[in-house]
Amino acid sequence: MQPATPSAALRTSPNRPASPFTLAAGTLLPAVLTSAANSDAPGTVSAVVNRDVFDSRTGAFLLVPAGSRLLGTSGTAVHG
């Protein structure tokens, strides 16, 4: 296989998500905690999204409306 020519390399681009209804990995959701998070006592944590979140590809599609509730868990595991 031969290396790509400079002109061919310029015509390539990163792959885009197939669907416009996609959030890129690592997208932060702007939210405010509605319950206390305590790493000493694992349990459920809840938050409310405080701004609309739109798709990563076009920014045209509302995916997570402000006011949406997020649920998660906290634990005592230490990573590092």
N, C-alpha and C. Protein backbone atom coordinates (compact mmCIF):
# COMPACT_ATOMS: atom_id res chain seq x y z
N MET A 1 0.85 -1.18 0.00
CA MET A 1 0.00 0.00 0.00
C MET A 1 0.88 1.24 0.00
N GLN A 2 0.57 2.19 -0.85
CA GLN A 2 1.36 3.41 -0.94
C GLN A 2 0.78 4.48 -0.02
N PRO A 3 1.65 5.36 0.49
CA PRO A 3 1.13 6.44 1.34
C PRO A 3 0.22 7.37 0.54
N ALA A 4 -0.68 8.01 1.23
CA ALA A 4 -1.61 8.95 0.59
C ALA A 4 -0.85 10.16 0.08
N THR A 5 -1.29 10.67 -1.03
CA THR A 5 -0.69 11.89 -1.55
C THR A 5 -1.17 13.06 -0.71
N PRO A 6 -0.41 14.17 -0.71
CA PRO A 6 -0.86 15.33 0.08
C PRO A 6 -2.27 15.78 -0.28
N SER A 7 -2.62 15.76 -1.57
CA SER A 7 -3.96 16.22 -1.95
C SER A 7 -5.03 15.27 -1.44
N ALA A 8 -4.73 13.95 -1.41
CA ALA A 8 -5.70 12.99 -0.89
C ALA A 8 -5.87 13.17 0.62
N ALA A 9 -4.78 13.45 1.30
CA ALA A 9 -4.84 13.64 2.75
C ALA A 9 -5.70 14.85 3.10
N LEU A 10 -5.67 15.87 2.27
CA LEU A 10 -6.46 17.07 2.54
C LEU A 10 -7.95 16.83 2.35
N ARG A 11 -8.31 15.82 1.56
CA ARG A 11 -9.73 15.55 1.30
C ARG A 11 -10.36 14.68 2.39
N THR A 12 -9.57 14.14 3.28
CA THR A 12 -10.13 13.28 4.32
C THR A 12 -10.49 14.13 5.53
N SER A 13 -11.42 13.62 6.31
CA SER A 13 -11.82 14.32 7.53
C SER A 13 -12.22 13.28 8.56
N PRO A 14 -12.24 13.67 9.84
CA PRO A 14 -12.67 12.73 10.88
C PRO A 14 -14.09 12.26 10.62
N ASN A 15 -14.38 11.05 11.04
CA ASN A 15 -15.74 10.52 10.89
C ASN A 15 -16.70 11.29 11.78
N ARG A 16 -17.83 11.62 11.22
CA ARG A 16 -18.89 12.28 11.98
C ARG A 16 -19.88 11.24 12.44
N PRO A 17 -20.59 11.51 13.51
CA PRO A 17 -21.63 10.56 13.93
C PRO A 17 -22.65 10.37 12.82
N ALA A 18 -23.14 9.15 12.67
CA ALA A 18 -24.12 8.86 11.62
C ALA A 18 -25.44 9.57 11.88
N SER A 19 -25.80 9.73 13.13
CA SER A 19 -27.07 10.35 13.49
C SER A 19 -26.84 11.75 14.05
N PRO A 20 -27.70 12.69 13.70
CA PRO A 20 -27.56 14.01 14.31
C PRO A 20 -28.00 14.01 15.78
N PHE A 21 -28.62 12.93 16.22
CA PHE A 21 -29.11 12.85 17.60
C PHE A 21 -28.06 12.21 18.50
N THR A 22 -26.83 12.76 18.46
CA THR A 22 -25.70 12.17 19.16
C THR A 22 -24.98 13.24 19.98
N LEU A 23 -24.60 12.88 21.19
CA LEU A 23 -23.70 13.70 21.99
C LEU A 23 -22.33 13.05 21.93
N ALA A 24 -21.29 13.84 21.70
CA ALA A 24 -19.94 13.31 21.65
C ALA A 24 -19.54 12.80 23.03
N ALA A 25 -18.72 11.75 23.05
CA ALA A 25 -18.20 11.23 24.31
C ALA A 25 -17.51 12.35 25.06
N GLY A 26 -17.76 12.44 26.34
CA GLY A 26 -17.13 13.47 27.16
C GLY A 26 -17.89 14.78 27.23
N THR A 27 -19.03 14.86 26.54
CA THR A 27 -19.84 16.08 26.60
C THR A 27 -20.31 16.30 28.03
N LEU A 28 -20.09 17.49 28.54
CA LEU A 28 -20.54 17.81 29.89
C LEU A 28 -21.98 18.30 29.86
N LEU A 29 -22.76 17.84 30.82
CA LEU A 29 -24.14 18.29 30.95
C LEU A 29 -24.17 19.33 32.07
N PRO A 30 -24.59 20.56 31.75
CA PRO A 30 -24.64 21.60 32.78
C PRO A 30 -25.78 21.30 33.75
N ALA A 31 -25.42 21.03 34.99
CA ALA A 31 -26.44 20.61 35.96
C ALA A 31 -26.09 21.11 37.35
N VAL A 32 -27.12 21.14 38.18
CA VAL A 32 -26.99 21.55 39.58
C VAL A 32 -27.44 20.38 40.45
N LEU A 33 -26.61 20.02 41.44
CA LEU A 33 -26.98 18.94 42.35
C LEU A 33 -28.24 19.31 43.13
N THR A 34 -29.13 18.33 43.27
CA THR A 34 -30.33 18.54 44.08
C THR A 34 -30.32 17.66 45.32
N SER A 35 -29.25 16.88 45.46
CA SER A 35 -29.07 16.06 46.67
C SER A 35 -27.60 16.15 47.06
N ALA A 36 -27.33 15.90 48.31
CA ALA A 36 -25.95 15.94 48.78
C ALA A 36 -25.18 14.75 48.25
N ALA A 37 -23.93 14.99 47.85
CA ALA A 37 -23.04 13.91 47.42
C ALA A 37 -22.01 13.72 48.53
N ASN A 38 -21.96 12.53 49.09
CA ASN A 38 -21.06 12.25 50.21
C ASN A 38 -20.27 11.00 49.88
N SER A 39 -18.97 11.16 49.65
CA SER A 39 -18.14 10.01 49.28
C SER A 39 -17.94 9.05 50.46
N ASP A 40 -18.23 9.50 51.69
CA ASP A 40 -18.12 8.62 52.85
C ASP A 40 -19.33 7.70 52.99
N ALA A 41 -20.43 8.06 52.38
CA ALA A 41 -21.65 7.26 52.46
C ALA A 41 -22.21 7.09 51.04
N PRO A 42 -21.83 6.01 50.36
CA PRO A 42 -22.29 5.80 48.98
C PRO A 42 -23.81 5.83 48.90
N GLY A 43 -24.31 6.30 47.77
CA GLY A 43 -25.75 6.34 47.58
C GLY A 43 -26.13 7.03 46.30
N THR A 44 -27.40 7.36 46.20
CA THR A 44 -27.94 8.00 45.01
C THR A 44 -27.68 9.50 45.03
N VAL A 45 -27.35 10.04 43.87
CA VAL A 45 -27.14 11.48 43.70
C VAL A 45 -28.07 11.93 42.58
N SER A 46 -28.71 13.08 42.75
CA SER A 46 -29.57 13.60 41.69
C SER A 46 -29.18 15.04 41.37
N ALA A 47 -29.46 15.42 40.13
CA ALA A 47 -29.16 16.77 39.66
C ALA A 47 -30.20 17.15 38.62
N VAL A 48 -30.29 18.45 38.35
CA VAL A 48 -31.20 18.96 37.33
C VAL A 48 -30.38 19.73 36.30
N VAL A 49 -30.60 19.42 35.02
CA VAL A 49 -29.92 20.11 33.93
C VAL A 49 -30.42 21.55 33.90
N ASN A 50 -29.49 22.52 33.88
CA ASN A 50 -29.92 23.92 33.97
C ASN A 50 -29.85 24.69 32.65
N ARG A 51 -29.41 24.04 31.56
CA ARG A 51 -29.43 24.65 30.22
C ARG A 51 -29.75 23.57 29.20
N ASP A 52 -30.43 23.94 28.13
CA ASP A 52 -30.69 23.00 27.05
C ASP A 52 -29.37 22.47 26.49
N VAL A 53 -29.35 21.17 26.14
CA VAL A 53 -28.17 20.55 25.54
C VAL A 53 -28.55 20.08 24.14
N PHE A 54 -27.78 20.53 23.14
CA PHE A 54 -28.07 20.21 21.75
C PHE A 54 -27.07 19.18 21.21
N ASP A 55 -27.41 18.57 20.09
CA ASP A 55 -26.57 17.54 19.50
C ASP A 55 -25.17 18.08 19.17
N SER A 56 -24.19 17.18 19.19
CA SER A 56 -22.80 17.56 18.94
C SER A 56 -22.51 17.80 17.47
N ARG A 57 -23.25 17.17 16.59
CA ARG A 57 -22.95 17.26 15.16
C ARG A 57 -23.37 18.59 14.54
N THR A 58 -24.62 18.99 14.76
CA THR A 58 -25.12 20.21 14.10
C THR A 58 -25.49 21.31 15.08
N GLY A 59 -25.75 20.96 16.32
CA GLY A 59 -26.20 21.94 17.29
C GLY A 59 -27.63 22.39 17.07
N ALA A 60 -28.36 21.66 16.22
CA ALA A 60 -29.72 22.05 15.86
C ALA A 60 -30.80 21.28 16.61
N PHE A 61 -30.45 20.13 17.17
CA PHE A 61 -31.46 19.27 17.78
C PHE A 61 -31.33 19.28 19.30
N LEU A 62 -32.41 19.64 19.97
CA LEU A 62 -32.45 19.64 21.43
C LEU A 62 -32.52 18.19 21.90
N LEU A 63 -31.50 17.75 22.64
CA LEU A 63 -31.46 16.36 23.12
C LEU A 63 -31.79 16.24 24.60
N VAL A 64 -31.34 17.20 25.40
CA VAL A 64 -31.60 17.16 26.85
C VAL A 64 -32.13 18.54 27.24
N PRO A 65 -33.43 18.65 27.44
CA PRO A 65 -34.00 19.96 27.79
C PRO A 65 -33.61 20.40 29.20
N ALA A 66 -33.49 21.70 29.39
CA ALA A 66 -33.29 22.23 30.74
C ALA A 66 -34.42 21.72 31.61
N GLY A 67 -34.09 21.37 32.85
CA GLY A 67 -35.09 20.83 33.76
C GLY A 67 -35.09 19.31 33.82
N SER A 68 -34.35 18.66 32.89
CA SER A 68 -34.26 17.20 32.93
C SER A 68 -33.55 16.77 34.20
N ARG A 69 -33.98 15.66 34.76
CA ARG A 69 -33.41 15.16 36.01
C ARG A 69 -32.37 14.09 35.71
N LEU A 70 -31.21 14.19 36.34
CA LEU A 70 -30.14 13.21 36.21
C LEU A 70 -30.05 12.42 37.50
N LEU A 71 -29.88 11.12 37.40
CA LEU A 71 -29.71 10.26 38.57
C LEU A 71 -28.40 9.49 38.43
N GLY A 72 -27.70 9.33 39.53
CA GLY A 72 -26.45 8.59 39.53
C GLY A 72 -26.17 8.05 40.91
N THR A 73 -25.01 7.43 41.04
CA THR A 73 -24.60 6.91 42.34
C THR A 73 -23.21 7.40 42.68
N SER A 74 -22.96 7.55 43.94
CA SER A 74 -21.62 7.91 44.41
C SER A 74 -21.08 6.73 45.20
N GLY A 75 -19.77 6.65 45.25
CA GLY A 75 -19.15 5.53 45.96
C GLY A 75 -17.88 5.96 46.66
N THR A 76 -17.23 4.99 47.26
CA THR A 76 -16.00 5.27 48.01
C THR A 76 -14.75 4.81 47.28
N ALA A 77 -14.88 4.31 46.06
CA ALA A 77 -13.72 3.81 45.32
C ALA A 77 -12.74 4.94 45.04
N VAL A 78 -11.45 4.62 45.15
CA VAL A 78 -10.39 5.58 44.84
C VAL A 78 -9.70 5.12 43.58
N HIS A 79 -9.63 6.00 42.59
CA HIS A 79 -8.98 5.67 41.32
C HIS A 79 -7.65 6.40 41.25
N GLY A 80 -6.66 5.73 40.70
CA GLY A 80 -5.41 6.45 40.55
C GLY A 80 -4.22 5.60 40.42
